[in-house]
Amino acid sequence: MQQNEKKKISVIEKFEMNAVNDNPIYEVWLSNSDDTGLRFIEFFEKFHLLFNGEALMIPRYYHWNCETCSSEILNASCVCNGLYCGMHDYTTFNGYEVIMEDLRQKCVFLNSKFNSSEHLWWDYMAVH
């Protein structure tokens, strides 16, 4: 193939609709190791509110596995012997604190959903 020739590629996306009702469900992936996701939550809240409680947003938190890391890294950045590790390149928290805050946010979310007080999670996220 010559240098100025372009390759054509095809991408096929498949969206499966398994829901019984018309209420959308969406996930937002974030971590306290990177404030980009947290800024997105702050920005996106006003759009989520437009659903008037008809949409379910599920926060998902990403972490890293580092079971073979040194004990120094495991102690500073991980829980469960390296099963969950938080990176701290973009935050003042250490990795362990990142994991604990992510877990705290997940607990606040689950509690607010259980008590039909979804705004509590959004309020909590606004101060972080």
N, C-alpha and C. Protein backbone atom coordinates (compact mmCIF):
# COMPACT_ATOMS: atom_id res chain seq x y z
N MET A 1 0.84 -1.17 0.00
CA MET A 1 0.00 0.00 0.00
C MET A 1 0.89 1.24 0.00
N GLN A 2 0.53 2.20 -0.84
CA GLN A 2 1.31 3.44 -0.91
C GLN A 2 1.00 4.34 0.26
N GLN A 3 1.91 5.25 0.54
CA GLN A 3 1.82 6.10 1.71
C GLN A 3 0.56 6.98 1.70
N ASN A 4 0.14 7.46 0.56
CA ASN A 4 -1.01 8.37 0.50
C ASN A 4 -2.36 7.66 0.36
N GLU A 5 -2.36 6.32 0.28
CA GLU A 5 -3.61 5.57 0.22
C GLU A 5 -4.23 5.49 1.60
N LYS A 6 -5.55 5.53 1.63
CA LYS A 6 -6.26 5.44 2.90
C LYS A 6 -6.91 4.07 3.01
N LYS A 7 -6.86 3.54 4.23
CA LYS A 7 -7.52 2.28 4.51
C LYS A 7 -8.94 2.55 4.96
N LYS A 8 -9.86 1.75 4.55
CA LYS A 8 -11.23 1.87 5.01
C LYS A 8 -11.46 0.79 6.06
N ILE A 9 -12.10 1.19 7.13
CA ILE A 9 -12.47 0.24 8.16
C ILE A 9 -13.95 0.40 8.46
N SER A 10 -14.53 -0.65 8.97
CA SER A 10 -15.94 -0.62 9.36
C SER A 10 -16.04 -0.92 10.85
N VAL A 11 -16.92 -0.22 11.50
CA VAL A 11 -17.18 -0.44 12.91
C VAL A 11 -18.66 -0.74 13.05
N ILE A 12 -18.96 -1.83 13.72
CA ILE A 12 -20.35 -2.20 13.94
C ILE A 12 -20.64 -2.11 15.43
N GLU A 13 -21.62 -1.32 15.78
CA GLU A 13 -22.05 -1.17 17.17
C GLU A 13 -23.39 -1.88 17.32
N LYS A 14 -23.52 -2.57 18.40
CA LYS A 14 -24.77 -3.26 18.68
C LYS A 14 -25.28 -2.79 20.03
N PHE A 15 -26.47 -2.27 20.06
CA PHE A 15 -27.10 -1.82 21.29
C PHE A 15 -28.28 -2.73 21.59
N GLU A 16 -28.17 -3.46 22.67
CA GLU A 16 -29.25 -4.37 23.05
C GLU A 16 -30.14 -3.69 24.07
N MET A 17 -31.40 -3.75 23.84
CA MET A 17 -32.38 -3.15 24.75
C MET A 17 -33.07 -4.28 25.50
N ASN A 18 -32.64 -4.51 26.73
CA ASN A 18 -33.22 -5.57 27.54
C ASN A 18 -34.24 -5.05 28.54
N ALA A 19 -34.37 -3.74 28.65
CA ALA A 19 -35.28 -3.16 29.64
C ALA A 19 -36.73 -3.40 29.25
N VAL A 20 -37.54 -3.62 30.25
CA VAL A 20 -38.97 -3.84 30.03
C VAL A 20 -39.70 -2.51 29.90
N ASN A 21 -39.15 -1.46 30.48
CA ASN A 21 -39.81 -0.16 30.43
C ASN A 21 -38.96 0.83 29.62
N ASP A 22 -39.43 2.05 29.58
CA ASP A 22 -38.74 3.07 28.78
C ASP A 22 -37.76 3.90 29.60
N ASN A 23 -37.52 3.55 30.85
CA ASN A 23 -36.62 4.32 31.69
C ASN A 23 -35.17 3.99 31.36
N PRO A 24 -34.41 4.99 30.99
CA PRO A 24 -33.00 4.72 30.65
C PRO A 24 -32.17 4.42 31.89
N ILE A 25 -31.19 3.58 31.69
CA ILE A 25 -30.20 3.26 32.73
C ILE A 25 -28.84 3.56 32.11
N TYR A 26 -28.03 4.31 32.83
CA TYR A 26 -26.69 4.58 32.31
C TYR A 26 -25.67 4.54 33.43
N GLU A 27 -24.44 4.24 33.07
CA GLU A 27 -23.35 4.14 34.02
C GLU A 27 -22.36 5.27 33.79
N VAL A 28 -21.79 5.75 34.88
CA VAL A 28 -20.71 6.73 34.81
C VAL A 28 -19.52 6.13 35.54
N TRP A 29 -18.40 6.02 34.84
CA TRP A 29 -17.18 5.45 35.43
C TRP A 29 -16.29 6.57 35.93
N LEU A 30 -15.85 6.47 37.18
CA LEU A 30 -15.01 7.50 37.76
C LEU A 30 -14.15 6.92 38.87
N SER A 31 -13.22 7.72 39.34
CA SER A 31 -12.38 7.38 40.49
C SER A 31 -11.85 8.68 41.07
N ASN A 32 -11.60 8.66 42.33
CA ASN A 32 -11.02 9.83 42.97
C ASN A 32 -9.55 10.00 42.65
N SER A 33 -8.99 9.07 41.90
CA SER A 33 -7.60 9.21 41.49
C SER A 33 -7.46 10.21 40.34
N ASP A 34 -8.58 10.55 39.74
CA ASP A 34 -8.56 11.47 38.60
C ASP A 34 -9.78 12.38 38.71
N ASP A 35 -9.57 13.66 38.80
CA ASP A 35 -10.69 14.57 39.02
C ASP A 35 -11.51 14.85 37.77
N THR A 36 -11.14 14.28 36.63
CA THR A 36 -11.92 14.47 35.40
C THR A 36 -13.34 13.92 35.58
N GLY A 37 -13.45 12.73 36.12
CA GLY A 37 -14.77 12.13 36.35
C GLY A 37 -15.59 12.93 37.35
N LEU A 38 -14.92 13.45 38.37
CA LEU A 38 -15.62 14.24 39.38
C LEU A 38 -16.12 15.56 38.79
N ARG A 39 -15.31 16.16 37.91
CA ARG A 39 -15.76 17.39 37.24
C ARG A 39 -16.93 17.09 36.31
N PHE A 40 -16.90 15.91 35.66
CA PHE A 40 -18.00 15.51 34.79
C PHE A 40 -19.29 15.39 35.60
N ILE A 41 -19.23 14.75 36.77
CA ILE A 41 -20.42 14.60 37.62
C ILE A 41 -21.00 15.96 37.96
N GLU A 42 -20.13 16.88 38.34
CA GLU A 42 -20.59 18.23 38.69
C GLU A 42 -21.28 18.89 37.50
N PHE A 43 -20.70 18.74 36.32
CA PHE A 43 -21.26 19.31 35.09
C PHE A 43 -22.56 18.62 34.69
N PHE A 44 -22.61 17.28 34.83
CA PHE A 44 -23.70 16.49 34.28
C PHE A 44 -24.96 16.49 35.14
N GLU A 45 -24.85 16.86 36.40
CA GLU A 45 -26.02 16.79 37.29
C GLU A 45 -27.24 17.49 36.70
N LYS A 46 -27.05 18.66 36.12
CA LYS A 46 -28.19 19.41 35.58
C LYS A 46 -28.89 18.65 34.45
N PHE A 47 -28.14 17.85 33.69
CA PHE A 47 -28.75 17.06 32.62
C PHE A 47 -29.47 15.84 33.19
N HIS A 48 -28.88 15.24 34.22
CA HIS A 48 -29.54 14.11 34.87
C HIS A 48 -30.88 14.54 35.46
N LEU A 49 -30.93 15.73 36.02
CA LEU A 49 -32.18 16.22 36.63
C LEU A 49 -33.29 16.40 35.60
N LEU A 50 -32.93 16.58 34.33
CA LEU A 50 -33.94 16.71 33.28
C LEU A 50 -34.76 15.43 33.10
N PHE A 51 -34.23 14.30 33.57
CA PHE A 51 -34.97 13.03 33.48
C PHE A 51 -36.09 12.94 34.52
N ASN A 52 -36.13 13.87 35.47
CA ASN A 52 -37.18 13.91 36.50
C ASN A 52 -37.37 12.57 37.21
N GLY A 53 -36.28 11.92 37.55
CA GLY A 53 -36.35 10.66 38.27
C GLY A 53 -36.67 9.45 37.41
N GLU A 54 -36.79 9.63 36.12
CA GLU A 54 -37.14 8.52 35.22
C GLU A 54 -35.92 7.73 34.75
N ALA A 55 -34.71 8.24 34.99
CA ALA A 55 -33.49 7.55 34.56
C ALA A 55 -32.74 7.06 35.78
N LEU A 56 -32.08 5.93 35.62
CA LEU A 56 -31.24 5.40 36.68
C LEU A 56 -29.78 5.56 36.28
N MET A 57 -29.06 6.34 37.05
CA MET A 57 -27.63 6.51 36.84
C MET A 57 -26.92 5.63 37.86
N ILE A 58 -25.95 4.85 37.40
CA ILE A 58 -25.19 3.98 38.28
C ILE A 58 -23.72 4.40 38.22
N PRO A 59 -23.17 4.88 39.35
CA PRO A 59 -21.75 5.20 39.35
C PRO A 59 -20.93 3.91 39.47
N ARG A 60 -19.90 3.81 38.66
CA ARG A 60 -18.97 2.67 38.72
C ARG A 60 -17.60 3.25 38.99
N TYR A 61 -16.85 2.59 39.84
CA TYR A 61 -15.53 3.08 40.24
C TYR A 61 -14.47 2.13 39.72
N TYR A 62 -13.46 2.68 39.07
CA TYR A 62 -12.40 1.83 38.53
C TYR A 62 -11.17 1.89 39.42
N HIS A 63 -10.54 0.72 39.53
CA HIS A 63 -9.33 0.56 40.33
C HIS A 63 -8.40 -0.39 39.60
N TRP A 64 -7.22 -0.58 40.14
CA TRP A 64 -6.24 -1.45 39.53
C TRP A 64 -5.93 -2.60 40.46
N ASN A 65 -5.52 -3.71 39.86
CA ASN A 65 -5.11 -4.89 40.59
C ASN A 65 -3.59 -4.92 40.59
N CYS A 66 -3.00 -5.13 41.76
CA CYS A 66 -1.54 -5.12 41.84
C CYS A 66 -1.09 -6.12 42.90
N GLU A 67 -1.54 -7.35 42.78
CA GLU A 67 -1.23 -8.37 43.78
C GLU A 67 0.25 -8.72 43.84
N THR A 68 1.00 -8.39 42.79
CA THR A 68 2.43 -8.71 42.77
C THR A 68 3.31 -7.50 43.06
N CYS A 69 2.71 -6.40 43.48
CA CYS A 69 3.48 -5.20 43.78
C CYS A 69 4.27 -5.37 45.08
N SER A 70 5.21 -4.50 45.27
CA SER A 70 6.01 -4.52 46.49
C SER A 70 5.13 -4.21 47.70
N SER A 71 5.58 -4.61 48.87
CA SER A 71 4.81 -4.36 50.08
C SER A 71 4.66 -2.86 50.34
N GLU A 72 5.64 -2.08 49.93
CA GLU A 72 5.55 -0.62 50.09
C GLU A 72 4.36 -0.06 49.32
N ILE A 73 4.20 -0.49 48.07
CA ILE A 73 3.07 -0.04 47.24
C ILE A 73 1.76 -0.61 47.78
N LEU A 74 1.77 -1.88 48.15
CA LEU A 74 0.55 -2.50 48.69
C LEU A 74 0.05 -1.76 49.92
N ASN A 75 0.95 -1.38 50.81
CA ASN A 75 0.56 -0.69 52.04
C ASN A 75 0.07 0.73 51.78
N ALA A 76 0.63 1.39 50.80
CA ALA A 76 0.28 2.79 50.55
C ALA A 76 -0.90 2.96 49.60
N SER A 77 -1.13 1.98 48.72
CA SER A 77 -2.07 2.21 47.62
C SER A 77 -3.18 1.18 47.48
N CYS A 78 -3.17 0.13 48.31
CA CYS A 78 -4.07 -0.99 48.03
C CYS A 78 -4.84 -1.46 49.27
N VAL A 79 -5.89 -2.20 48.99
CA VAL A 79 -6.63 -2.94 50.02
C VAL A 79 -6.78 -4.37 49.53
N CYS A 80 -7.09 -5.26 50.43
CA CYS A 80 -7.30 -6.68 50.09
C CYS A 80 -6.07 -7.30 49.41
N ASN A 81 -4.90 -7.03 49.97
CA ASN A 81 -3.65 -7.60 49.46
C ASN A 81 -3.40 -7.32 47.98
N GLY A 82 -3.76 -6.13 47.55
CA GLY A 82 -3.49 -5.73 46.18
C GLY A 82 -4.60 -5.98 45.19
N LEU A 83 -5.72 -6.50 45.66
CA LEU A 83 -6.85 -6.75 44.75
C LEU A 83 -7.42 -5.44 44.22
N TYR A 84 -7.45 -4.41 45.09
CA TYR A 84 -7.94 -3.09 44.69
C TYR A 84 -6.89 -2.05 45.05
N CYS A 85 -6.38 -1.38 44.04
CA CYS A 85 -5.37 -0.35 44.27
C CYS A 85 -5.81 0.94 43.60
N GLY A 86 -5.55 2.02 44.28
CA GLY A 86 -5.88 3.32 43.74
C GLY A 86 -4.62 4.06 43.33
N MET A 87 -4.62 4.56 42.14
CA MET A 87 -3.49 5.36 41.69
C MET A 87 -3.66 6.77 42.24
N HIS A 88 -2.57 7.43 42.47
CA HIS A 88 -2.64 8.75 43.09
C HIS A 88 -1.76 9.75 42.37
N ASP A 89 -1.57 9.57 41.09
CA ASP A 89 -0.74 10.49 40.31
C ASP A 89 -1.38 11.87 40.17
N TYR A 90 -2.71 11.93 40.19
CA TYR A 90 -3.41 13.17 39.90
C TYR A 90 -4.16 13.72 41.10
N THR A 91 -3.79 13.31 42.30
CA THR A 91 -4.51 13.73 43.49
C THR A 91 -3.56 13.83 44.67
N THR A 92 -3.99 14.52 45.70
CA THR A 92 -3.16 14.62 46.90
C THR A 92 -3.40 13.43 47.83
N PHE A 93 -4.41 12.62 47.54
CA PHE A 93 -4.66 11.42 48.33
C PHE A 93 -3.67 10.34 47.96
N ASN A 94 -3.36 9.44 48.90
CA ASN A 94 -2.60 8.26 48.50
C ASN A 94 -3.59 7.23 47.95
N GLY A 95 -3.10 6.16 47.38
CA GLY A 95 -3.97 5.17 46.73
C GLY A 95 -4.99 4.55 47.66
N TYR A 96 -4.57 4.28 48.90
CA TYR A 96 -5.48 3.71 49.89
C TYR A 96 -6.64 4.68 50.16
N GLU A 97 -6.33 5.96 50.30
CA GLU A 97 -7.37 6.96 50.54
C GLU A 97 -8.31 7.08 49.35
N VAL A 98 -7.78 6.92 48.14
CA VAL A 98 -8.62 6.93 46.94
C VAL A 98 -9.64 5.80 47.00
N ILE A 99 -9.17 4.60 47.33
CA ILE A 99 -10.06 3.44 47.42
C ILE A 99 -11.14 3.68 48.49
N MET A 100 -10.74 4.17 49.64
CA MET A 100 -11.69 4.40 50.73
C MET A 100 -12.73 5.46 50.36
N GLU A 101 -12.32 6.53 49.68
CA GLU A 101 -13.28 7.56 49.26
C GLU A 101 -14.21 7.02 48.19
N ASP A 102 -13.69 6.25 47.25
CA ASP A 102 -14.56 5.64 46.23
C ASP A 102 -15.59 4.74 46.89
N LEU A 103 -15.17 3.96 47.87
CA LEU A 103 -16.10 3.08 48.59
C LEU A 103 -17.14 3.90 49.35
N ARG A 104 -16.70 4.97 49.97
CA ARG A 104 -17.62 5.85 50.70
C ARG A 104 -18.67 6.42 49.74
N GLN A 105 -18.24 6.87 48.58
CA GLN A 105 -19.18 7.43 47.59
C GLN A 105 -20.17 6.36 47.13
N LYS A 106 -19.70 5.15 46.93
CA LYS A 106 -20.59 4.07 46.52
C LYS A 106 -21.62 3.78 47.61
N CYS A 107 -21.19 3.80 48.87
CA CYS A 107 -22.12 3.58 49.99
C CYS A 107 -23.15 4.70 50.07
N VAL A 108 -22.72 5.93 49.89
CA VAL A 108 -23.66 7.06 49.90
C VAL A 108 -24.67 6.89 48.76
N PHE A 109 -24.20 6.47 47.58
CA PHE A 109 -25.10 6.25 46.45
C PHE A 109 -26.14 5.18 46.78
N LEU A 110 -25.67 4.03 47.26
CA LEU A 110 -26.59 2.92 47.55
C LEU A 110 -27.59 3.31 48.64
N ASN A 111 -27.13 4.00 49.66
CA ASN A 111 -28.02 4.45 50.73
C ASN A 111 -29.05 5.45 50.20
N SER A 112 -28.61 6.36 49.35
CA SER A 112 -29.54 7.36 48.82
C SER A 112 -30.58 6.71 47.90
N LYS A 113 -30.19 5.69 47.14
CA LYS A 113 -31.16 4.98 46.29
C LYS A 113 -32.15 4.19 47.15
N PHE A 114 -31.64 3.53 48.18
CA PHE A 114 -32.48 2.73 49.07
C PHE A 114 -33.51 3.59 49.77
N ASN A 115 -33.13 4.80 50.14
CA ASN A 115 -34.02 5.71 50.86
C ASN A 115 -34.74 6.70 49.94
N SER A 116 -34.68 6.46 48.65
CA SER A 116 -35.32 7.34 47.66
C SER A 116 -34.92 8.80 47.84
N SER A 117 -33.65 9.00 48.14
CA SER A 117 -33.11 10.35 48.34
C SER A 117 -31.89 10.54 47.45
N GLU A 118 -32.09 10.34 46.15
CA GLU A 118 -30.99 10.36 45.20
C GLU A 118 -30.16 11.64 45.29
N HIS A 119 -30.81 12.74 45.64
CA HIS A 119 -30.11 14.02 45.70
C HIS A 119 -28.95 13.99 46.70
N LEU A 120 -29.01 13.09 47.71
CA LEU A 120 -27.94 13.03 48.70
C LEU A 120 -26.59 12.68 48.06
N TRP A 121 -26.61 11.75 47.11
CA TRP A 121 -25.36 11.40 46.42
C TRP A 121 -24.84 12.59 45.62
N TRP A 122 -25.72 13.24 44.89
CA TRP A 122 -25.30 14.39 44.09
C TRP A 122 -24.78 15.50 45.00
N ASP A 123 -25.44 15.72 46.14
CA ASP A 123 -24.97 16.72 47.10
C ASP A 123 -23.59 16.35 47.65
N TYR A 124 -23.42 15.08 47.97
CA TYR A 124 -22.13 14.62 48.49
C TYR A 124 -21.03 14.82 47.45
N MET A 125 -21.34 14.51 46.23
CA MET A 125 -20.35 14.63 45.15
C MET A 125 -19.98 16.09 44.89
N ALA A 126 -20.89 16.98 45.14
CA ALA A 126 -20.63 18.40 44.89
C ALA A 126 -19.54 18.96 45.79
N VAL A 127 -19.32 18.37 46.93
CA VAL A 127 -18.29 18.88 47.84
C VAL A 127 -16.96 18.16 47.68
N HIS A 128 -16.86 17.24 46.73
CA HIS A 128 -15.61 16.50 46.54
C HIS A 128 -14.95 16.85 45.25
